Amino acid sequence: MKLRMARSQMRPVMADGRRPMTTVYLIISDAFPSDSTDTADGDGDGIGDNADTDDDNDGTADTNDAFPSAFHRDGRC
């Protein structure tokens, strides 16, 4: 799942009235809006990453996988 990011136009104001030069990003999508325990599905199999025993769907269980969230065996996503 790809998360869409939105740049916030609201920046905090410091006590002296200056605005710090920071960029704030907000996550505006949730793959499982009705499930408070999961928000992402990295491999797109319909099972949230928190409940999925194979997050990258490479056939190797996360507990035995050197790179449990990477689609490639060398760790690349």
PDB file of N, CA and C in Angstrom:
ATOM      1  N   MET A   1       0.833  -1.178   0.000  1.00  0.00           N
ATOM      2  CA  MET A   1       0.000   0.000   0.000  1.00  0.00           C
ATOM      3  C   MET A   1       0.874   1.235   0.000  1.00  0.00           C
ATOM      4  N   LYS A   2       0.546   2.162  -0.818  1.00  0.00           N
ATOM      5  CA  LYS A   2       1.261   3.428  -0.829  1.00  0.00           C
ATOM      6  C   LYS A   2       0.458   4.445  -0.045  1.00  0.00           C
ATOM      7  N   LEU A   3       1.115   5.124   0.856  1.00  0.00           N
ATOM      8  CA  LEU A   3       0.448   6.154   1.640  1.00  0.00           C
ATOM      9  C   LEU A   3       0.599   7.480   0.930  1.00  0.00           C
ATOM     10  N   ARG A   4      -0.479   8.179   0.823  1.00  0.00           N
ATOM     11  CA  ARG A   4      -0.420   9.519   0.248  1.00  0.00           C
ATOM     12  C   ARG A   4      -0.050  10.482   1.350  1.00  0.00           C
ATOM     13  N   MET A   5       0.822  11.391   1.051  1.00  0.00           N
ATOM     14  CA  MET A   5       1.256  12.355   2.050  1.00  0.00           C
ATOM     15  C   MET A   5       0.787  13.748   1.629  1.00  0.00           C
ATOM     16  N   ALA A   6       0.393  14.504   2.590  1.00  0.00           N
ATOM     17  CA  ALA A   6      -0.044  15.874   2.317  1.00  0.00           C
ATOM     18  C   ALA A   6       0.802  16.828   3.141  1.00  0.00           C
ATOM     19  N   ARG A   7       1.235  17.889   2.526  1.00  0.00           N
ATOM     20  CA  ARG A   7       2.018  18.885   3.238  1.00  0.00           C
ATOM     21  C   ARG A   7       1.081  19.807   3.997  1.00  0.00           C
ATOM     22  N   SER A   8       1.298  19.920   5.266  1.00  0.00           N
ATOM     23  CA  SER A   8       0.443  20.763   6.100  1.00  0.00           C
ATOM     24  C   SER A   8       0.837  22.224   5.929  1.00  0.00           C
ATOM     25  N   GLN A   9      -0.132  23.077   5.789  1.00  0.00           N
ATOM     26  CA  GLN A   9       0.122  24.504   5.677  1.00  0.00           C
ATOM     27  C   GLN A   9       0.190  25.158   7.054  1.00  0.00           C
ATOM     28  N   MET A  10      -0.160  24.417   8.076  1.00  0.00           N
ATOM     29  CA  MET A  10      -0.152  24.970   9.427  1.00  0.00           C
ATOM     30  C   MET A  10       1.193  24.673  10.079  1.00  0.00           C
ATOM     31  N   ARG A  11       1.886  25.725  10.501  1.00  0.00           N
ATOM     32  CA  ARG A  11       3.141  25.565  11.208  1.00  0.00           C
ATOM     33  C   ARG A  11       2.987  26.195  12.580  1.00  0.00           C
ATOM     34  N   PRO A  12       3.641  25.602  13.578  1.00  0.00           N
ATOM     35  CA  PRO A  12       3.517  26.176  14.920  1.00  0.00           C
ATOM     36  C   PRO A  12       4.145  27.561  15.002  1.00  0.00           C
ATOM     37  N   VAL A  13       3.634  28.362  15.903  1.00  0.00           N
ATOM     38  CA  VAL A  13       4.179  29.702  16.134  1.00  0.00           C
ATOM     39  C   VAL A  13       4.919  29.668  17.454  1.00  0.00           C
ATOM     40  N   MET A  14       6.176  30.121  17.430  1.00  0.00           N
ATOM     41  CA  MET A  14       6.966  30.141  18.659  1.00  0.00           C
ATOM     42  C   MET A  14       6.527  31.334  19.509  1.00  0.00           C
ATOM     43  N   ALA A  15       6.962  31.339  20.757  1.00  0.00           N
ATOM     44  CA  ALA A  15       6.539  32.374  21.707  1.00  0.00           C
ATOM     45  C   ALA A  15       6.835  33.785  21.210  1.00  0.00           C
ATOM     46  N   ASP A  16       7.924  33.969  20.451  1.00  0.00           N
ATOM     47  CA  ASP A  16       8.273  35.312  19.979  1.00  0.00           C
ATOM     48  C   ASP A  16       7.608  35.651  18.642  1.00  0.00           C
ATOM     49  N   GLY A  17       6.709  34.789  18.165  1.00  0.00           N
ATOM     50  CA  GLY A  17       5.962  35.061  16.954  1.00  0.00           C
ATOM     51  C   GLY A  17       6.576  34.514  15.676  1.00  0.00           C
ATOM     52  N   ARG A  18       7.812  34.030  15.753  1.00  0.00           N
ATOM     53  CA  ARG A  18       8.438  33.465  14.560  1.00  0.00           C
ATOM     54  C   ARG A  18       7.856  32.081  14.269  1.00  0.00           C
ATOM     55  N   ARG A  19       7.896  31.709  13.019  1.00  0.00           N
ATOM     56  CA  ARG A  19       7.475  30.366  12.611  1.00  0.00           C
ATOM     57  C   ARG A  19       8.724  29.580  12.222  1.00  0.00           C
ATOM     58  N   PRO A  20       8.933  28.424  12.844  1.00  0.00           N
ATOM     59  CA  PRO A  20      10.119  27.634  12.487  1.00  0.00           C
ATOM     60  C   PRO A  20      10.017  27.110  11.058  1.00  0.00           C
ATOM     61  N   MET A  21      11.142  26.927  10.420  1.00  0.00           N
ATOM     62  CA  MET A  21      11.181  26.428   9.050  1.00  0.00           C
ATOM     63  C   MET A  21      11.136  24.894   9.067  1.00  0.00           C
ATOM     64  N   THR A  22       9.979  24.363   9.298  1.00  0.00           N
ATOM     65  CA  THR A  22       9.809  22.911   9.321  1.00  0.00           C
ATOM     66  C   THR A  22       8.713  22.526   8.346  1.00  0.00           C
ATOM     67  N   THR A  23       8.799  21.313   7.853  1.00  0.00           N
ATOM     68  CA  THR A  23       7.764  20.769   6.995  1.00  0.00           C
ATOM     69  C   THR A  23       7.082  19.647   7.760  1.00  0.00           C
ATOM     70  N   VAL A  24       5.791  19.670   7.805  1.00  0.00           N
ATOM     71  CA  VAL A  24       5.020  18.658   8.518  1.00  0.00           C
ATOM     72  C   VAL A  24       4.263  17.827   7.502  1.00  0.00           C
ATOM     73  N   TYR A  25       4.386  16.511   7.584  1.00  0.00           N
ATOM     74  CA  TYR A  25       3.651  15.620   6.695  1.00  0.00           C
ATOM     75  C   TYR A  25       2.634  14.838   7.506  1.00  0.00           C
ATOM     76  N   LEU A  26       1.455  14.700   6.968  1.00  0.00           N
ATOM     77  CA  LEU A  26       0.383  13.976   7.632  1.00  0.00           C
ATOM     78  C   LEU A  26      -0.007  12.770   6.775  1.00  0.00           C
ATOM     79  N   ILE A  27      -0.209  11.625   7.412  1.00  0.00           N
ATOM     80  CA  ILE A  27      -0.709  10.461   6.691  1.00  0.00           C
ATOM     81  C   ILE A  27      -2.215  10.641   6.538  1.00  0.00           C
ATOM     82  N   ILE A  28      -2.695  10.596   5.295  1.00  0.00           N
ATOM     83  CA  ILE A  28      -4.116  10.859   5.090  1.00  0.00           C
ATOM     84  C   ILE A  28      -4.868   9.644   4.555  1.00  0.00           C
ATOM     85  N   SER A  29      -4.221   8.467   4.568  1.00  0.00           N
ATOM     86  CA  SER A  29      -4.960   7.281   4.156  1.00  0.00           C
ATOM     87  C   SER A  29      -4.640   6.137   5.094  1.00  0.00           C
ATOM     88  N   ASP A  30      -5.563   5.218   5.215  1.00  0.00           N
ATOM     89  CA  ASP A  30      -5.452   4.078   6.104  1.00  0.00           C
ATOM     90  C   ASP A  30      -6.062   2.890   5.378  1.00  0.00           C
ATOM     91  N   ALA A  31      -5.286   1.840   5.185  1.00  0.00           N
ATOM     92  CA  ALA A  31      -5.775   0.663   4.461  1.00  0.00           C
ATOM     93  C   ALA A  31      -6.892  -0.047   5.222  1.00  0.00           C
ATOM     94  N   PHE A  32      -6.938   0.158   6.541  1.00  0.00           N
ATOM     95  CA  PHE A  32      -7.936  -0.515   7.373  1.00  0.00           C
ATOM     96  C   PHE A  32      -8.582   0.486   8.332  1.00  0.00           C
ATOM     97  N   PRO A  33      -9.402   1.387   7.819  1.00  0.00           N
ATOM     98  CA  PRO A  33      -9.967   2.429   8.676  1.00  0.00           C
ATOM     99  C   PRO A  33     -10.849   1.912   9.808  1.00  0.00           C
ATOM    100  N   SER A  34     -11.411   0.720   9.668  1.00  0.00           N
ATOM    101  CA  SER A  34     -12.264   0.191  10.735  1.00  0.00           C
ATOM    102  C   SER A  34     -11.498  -0.694  11.710  1.00  0.00           C
ATOM    103  N   ASP A  35     -10.179  -0.840  11.510  1.00  0.00           N
ATOM    104  CA  ASP A  35      -9.351  -1.661  12.397  1.00  0.00           C
ATOM    105  C   ASP A  35      -8.307  -0.756  13.038  1.00  0.00           C
ATOM    106  N   SER A  36      -8.443  -0.515  14.322  1.00  0.00           N
ATOM    107  CA  SER A  36      -7.529   0.406  15.004  1.00  0.00           C
ATOM    108  C   SER A  36      -6.147  -0.196  15.233  1.00  0.00           C
ATOM    109  N   THR A  37      -5.976  -1.495  14.976  1.00  0.00           N
ATOM    110  CA  THR A  37      -4.682  -2.135  15.199  1.00  0.00           C
ATOM    111  C   THR A  37      -3.824  -2.216  13.947  1.00  0.00           C
ATOM    112  N   ASP A  38      -4.357  -1.881  12.792  1.00  0.00           N
ATOM    113  CA  ASP A  38      -3.608  -1.986  11.546  1.00  0.00           C
ATOM    114  C   ASP A  38      -3.904  -0.808  10.629  1.00  0.00           C
ATOM    115  N   THR A  39      -2.876  -0.330   9.940  1.00  0.00           N
ATOM    116  CA  THR A  39      -3.059   0.775   9.003  1.00  0.00           C
ATOM    117  C   THR A  39      -2.458   0.495   7.639  1.00  0.00           C
ATOM    118  N   ALA A  40      -1.576  -0.510   7.535  1.00  0.00           N
ATOM    119  CA  ALA A  40      -0.866  -0.742   6.278  1.00  0.00           C
ATOM    120  C   ALA A  40      -0.922  -2.203   5.844  1.00  0.00           C
ATOM    121  N   ASP A  41      -0.834  -2.395   4.542  1.00  0.00           N
ATOM    122  CA  ASP A  41      -0.767  -3.719   3.933  1.00  0.00           C
ATOM    123  C   ASP A  41       0.318  -3.667   2.868  1.00  0.00           C
ATOM    124  N   GLY A  42       1.564  -3.842   3.283  1.00  0.00           N
ATOM    125  CA  GLY A  42       2.711  -3.661   2.404  1.00  0.00           C
ATOM    126  C   GLY A  42       2.737  -4.542   1.179  1.00  0.00           C
ATOM    127  N   ASP A  43       2.185  -5.754   1.283  1.00  0.00           N
ATOM    128  CA  ASP A  43       2.237  -6.665   0.135  1.00  0.00           C
ATOM    129  C   ASP A  43       0.922  -6.741  -0.625  1.00  0.00           C
ATOM    130  N   GLY A  44      -0.090  -6.021  -0.168  1.00  0.00           N
ATOM    131  CA  GLY A  44      -1.359  -5.952  -0.888  1.00  0.00           C
ATOM    132  C   GLY A  44      -2.169  -7.232  -0.894  1.00  0.00           C
ATOM    133  N   ASP A  45      -1.977  -8.075   0.131  1.00  0.00           N
ATOM    134  CA  ASP A  45      -2.717  -9.340   0.164  1.00  0.00           C
ATOM    135  C   ASP A  45      -4.018  -9.262   0.951  1.00  0.00           C
ATOM    136  N   GLY A  46      -4.350  -8.078   1.455  1.00  0.00           N
ATOM    137  CA  GLY A  46      -5.599  -7.905   2.192  1.00  0.00           C
ATOM    138  C   GLY A  46      -5.478  -8.196   3.673  1.00  0.00           C
ATOM    139  N   ILE A  47      -4.291  -8.590   4.125  1.00  0.00           N
ATOM    140  CA  ILE A  47      -4.040  -8.840   5.547  1.00  0.00           C
ATOM    141  C   ILE A  47      -3.129  -7.721   6.036  1.00  0.00           C
ATOM    142  N   GLY A  48      -3.534  -7.028   7.089  1.00  0.00           N
ATOM    143  CA  GLY A  48      -2.740  -5.931   7.618  1.00  0.00           C
ATOM    144  C   GLY A  48      -1.383  -6.406   8.093  1.00  0.00           C
ATOM    145  N   ASP A  49      -0.369  -5.560   7.978  1.00  0.00           N
ATOM    146  CA  ASP A  49       0.998  -5.942   8.329  1.00  0.00           C
ATOM    147  C   ASP A  49       1.138  -6.415   9.771  1.00  0.00           C
ATOM    148  N   ASN A  50       0.369  -5.867  10.695  1.00  0.00           N
ATOM    149  CA  ASN A  50       0.455  -6.309  12.092  1.00  0.00           C
ATOM    150  C   ASN A  50      -0.049  -7.737  12.269  1.00  0.00           C
ATOM    151  N   ALA A  51      -1.005  -8.160  11.480  1.00  0.00           N
ATOM    152  CA  ALA A  51      -1.561  -9.508  11.593  1.00  0.00           C
ATOM    153  C   ALA A  51      -0.931 -10.489  10.604  1.00  0.00           C
ATOM    154  N   ASP A  52      -0.256  -9.983   9.597  1.00  0.00           N
ATOM    155  CA  ASP A  52       0.310 -10.811   8.529  1.00  0.00           C
ATOM    156  C   ASP A  52       1.591 -11.491   9.001  1.00  0.00           C
ATOM    157  N   THR A  53       1.681 -12.806   8.835  1.00  0.00           N
ATOM    158  CA  THR A  53       2.887 -13.536   9.235  1.00  0.00           C
ATOM    159  C   THR A  53       3.951 -13.511   8.143  1.00  0.00           C
ATOM    160  N   ASP A  54       3.616 -12.972   6.968  1.00  0.00           N
ATOM    161  CA  ASP A  54       4.565 -12.822   5.866  1.00  0.00           C
ATOM    162  C   ASP A  54       4.298 -11.470   5.202  1.00  0.00           C
ATOM    163  N   ASP A  55       4.811 -10.388   5.824  1.00  0.00           N
ATOM    164  CA  ASP A  55       4.511  -9.020   5.395  1.00  0.00           C
ATOM    165  C   ASP A  55       4.845  -8.739   3.938  1.00  0.00           C
ATOM    166  N   ASP A  56       5.903  -9.348   3.419  1.00  0.00           N
ATOM    167  CA  ASP A  56       6.301  -9.048   2.044  1.00  0.00           C
ATOM    168  C   ASP A  56       5.843 -10.103   1.044  1.00  0.00           C
ATOM    169  N   ASN A  57       5.135 -11.114   1.531  1.00  0.00           N
ATOM    170  CA  ASN A  57       4.528 -12.140   0.680  1.00  0.00           C
ATOM    171  C   ASN A  57       5.562 -12.847  -0.211  1.00  0.00           C
ATOM    172  N   ASP A  58       6.747 -13.109   0.386  1.00  0.00           N
ATOM    173  CA  ASP A  58       7.795 -13.791  -0.372  1.00  0.00           C
ATOM    174  C   ASP A  58       7.838 -15.296  -0.101  1.00  0.00           C
ATOM    175  N   GLY A  59       6.890 -15.777   0.719  1.00  0.00           N
ATOM    176  CA  GLY A  59       6.829 -17.199   1.008  1.00  0.00           C
ATOM    177  C   GLY A  59       7.630 -17.606   2.231  1.00  0.00           C
ATOM    178  N   THR A  60       8.328 -16.675   2.857  1.00  0.00           N
ATOM    179  CA  THR A  60       9.093 -16.945   4.066  1.00  0.00           C
ATOM    180  C   THR A  60       8.439 -16.205   5.223  1.00  0.00           C
ATOM    181  N   ALA A  61       8.111 -16.942   6.285  1.00  0.00           N
ATOM    182  CA  ALA A  61       7.478 -16.318   7.453  1.00  0.00           C
ATOM    183  C   ALA A  61       8.392 -15.236   8.021  1.00  0.00           C
ATOM    184  N   ASP A  62       7.800 -14.149   8.510  1.00  0.00           N
ATOM    185  CA  ASP A  62       8.568 -13.031   9.054  1.00  0.00           C
ATOM    186  C   ASP A  62       9.550 -13.478  10.136  1.00  0.00           C
ATOM    187  N   THR A  63       9.176 -14.480  10.928  1.00  0.00           N
ATOM    188  CA  THR A  63      10.042 -14.944  12.011  1.00  0.00           C
ATOM    189  C   THR A  63      11.310 -15.608  11.484  1.00  0.00           C
ATOM    190  N   ASN A  64      11.297 -16.082  10.234  1.00  0.00           N
ATOM    191  CA  ASN A  64      12.460 -16.734   9.625  1.00  0.00           C
ATOM    192  C   ASN A  64      13.071 -15.900   8.504  1.00  0.00           C
ATOM    193  N   ASP A  65      12.577 -14.693   8.305  1.00  0.00           N
ATOM    194  CA  ASP A  65      12.971 -13.855   7.180  1.00  0.00           C
ATOM    195  C   ASP A  65      13.960 -12.790   7.651  1.00  0.00           C
ATOM    196  N   ALA A  66      15.143 -12.746   7.019  1.00  0.00           N
ATOM    197  CA  ALA A  66      16.146 -11.741   7.390  1.00  0.00           C
ATOM    198  C   ALA A  66      15.654 -10.329   7.089  1.00  0.00           C
ATOM    199  N   PHE A  67      14.806 -10.197   6.055  1.00  0.00           N
ATOM    200  CA  PHE A  67      14.250  -8.900   5.665  1.00  0.00           C
ATOM    201  C   PHE A  67      12.732  -9.053   5.559  1.00  0.00           C
ATOM    202  N   PRO A  68      12.005  -9.046   6.683  1.00  0.00           N
ATOM    203  CA  PRO A  68      10.572  -9.370   6.664  1.00  0.00           C
ATOM    204  C   PRO A  68       9.683  -8.390   5.910  1.00  0.00           C
ATOM    205  N   SER A  69      10.154  -7.182   5.650  1.00  0.00           N
ATOM    206  CA  SER A  69       9.322  -6.208   4.923  1.00  0.00           C
ATOM    207  C   SER A  69       9.856  -5.918   3.537  1.00  0.00           C
ATOM    208  N   ALA A  70      10.882  -6.638   3.110  1.00  0.00           N
ATOM    209  CA  ALA A  70      11.485  -6.394   1.790  1.00  0.00           C
ATOM    210  C   ALA A  70      11.051  -7.469   0.825  1.00  0.00           C
ATOM    211  N   PHE A  71      10.758  -7.077  -0.403  1.00  0.00           N
ATOM    212  CA  PHE A  71      10.298  -8.009  -1.419  1.00  0.00           C
ATOM    213  C   PHE A  71      11.445  -8.778  -2.048  1.00  0.00           C
ATOM    214  N   HIS A  72      12.678  -8.282  -1.870  1.00  0.00           N
ATOM    215  CA  HIS A  72      13.833  -8.916  -2.472  1.00  0.00           C
ATOM    216  C   HIS A  72      14.705  -9.524  -1.374  1.00  0.00           C
ATOM    217  N   ARG A  73      15.332 -10.607  -1.643  1.00  0.00           N
ATOM    218  CA  ARG A  73      16.152 -11.297  -0.638  1.00  0.00           C
ATOM    219  C   ARG A  73      17.344 -10.480  -0.169  1.00  0.00           C
ATOM    220  N   ASP A  74      17.778  -9.493  -0.953  1.00  0.00           N
ATOM    221  CA  ASP A  74      18.928  -8.682  -0.534  1.00  0.00           C
ATOM    222  C   ASP A  74      18.506  -7.479   0.319  1.00  0.00           C
ATOM    223  N   GLY A  75      17.227  -7.393   0.668  1.00  0.00           N
ATOM    224  CA  GLY A  75      16.750  -6.334   1.546  1.00  0.00           C
ATOM    225  C   GLY A  75      16.150  -5.143   0.851  1.00  0.00           C
ATOM    226  N   ARG A  76      16.203  -5.093  -0.495  1.00  0.00           N
ATOM    227  CA  ARG A  76      15.588  -3.966  -1.218  1.00  0.00           C
ATOM    228  C   ARG A  76      14.079  -4.084  -1.159  1.00  0.00           C
ATOM    229  N   CYS A  77      13.408  -2.956  -1.096  1.00  0.00           N
ATOM    230  CA  CYS A  77      11.939  -2.943  -1.105  1.00  0.00           C
ATOM    231  C   CYS A  77      11.431  -2.786  -2.513  1.00  0.00           C
TER     232      CYS A  77
END
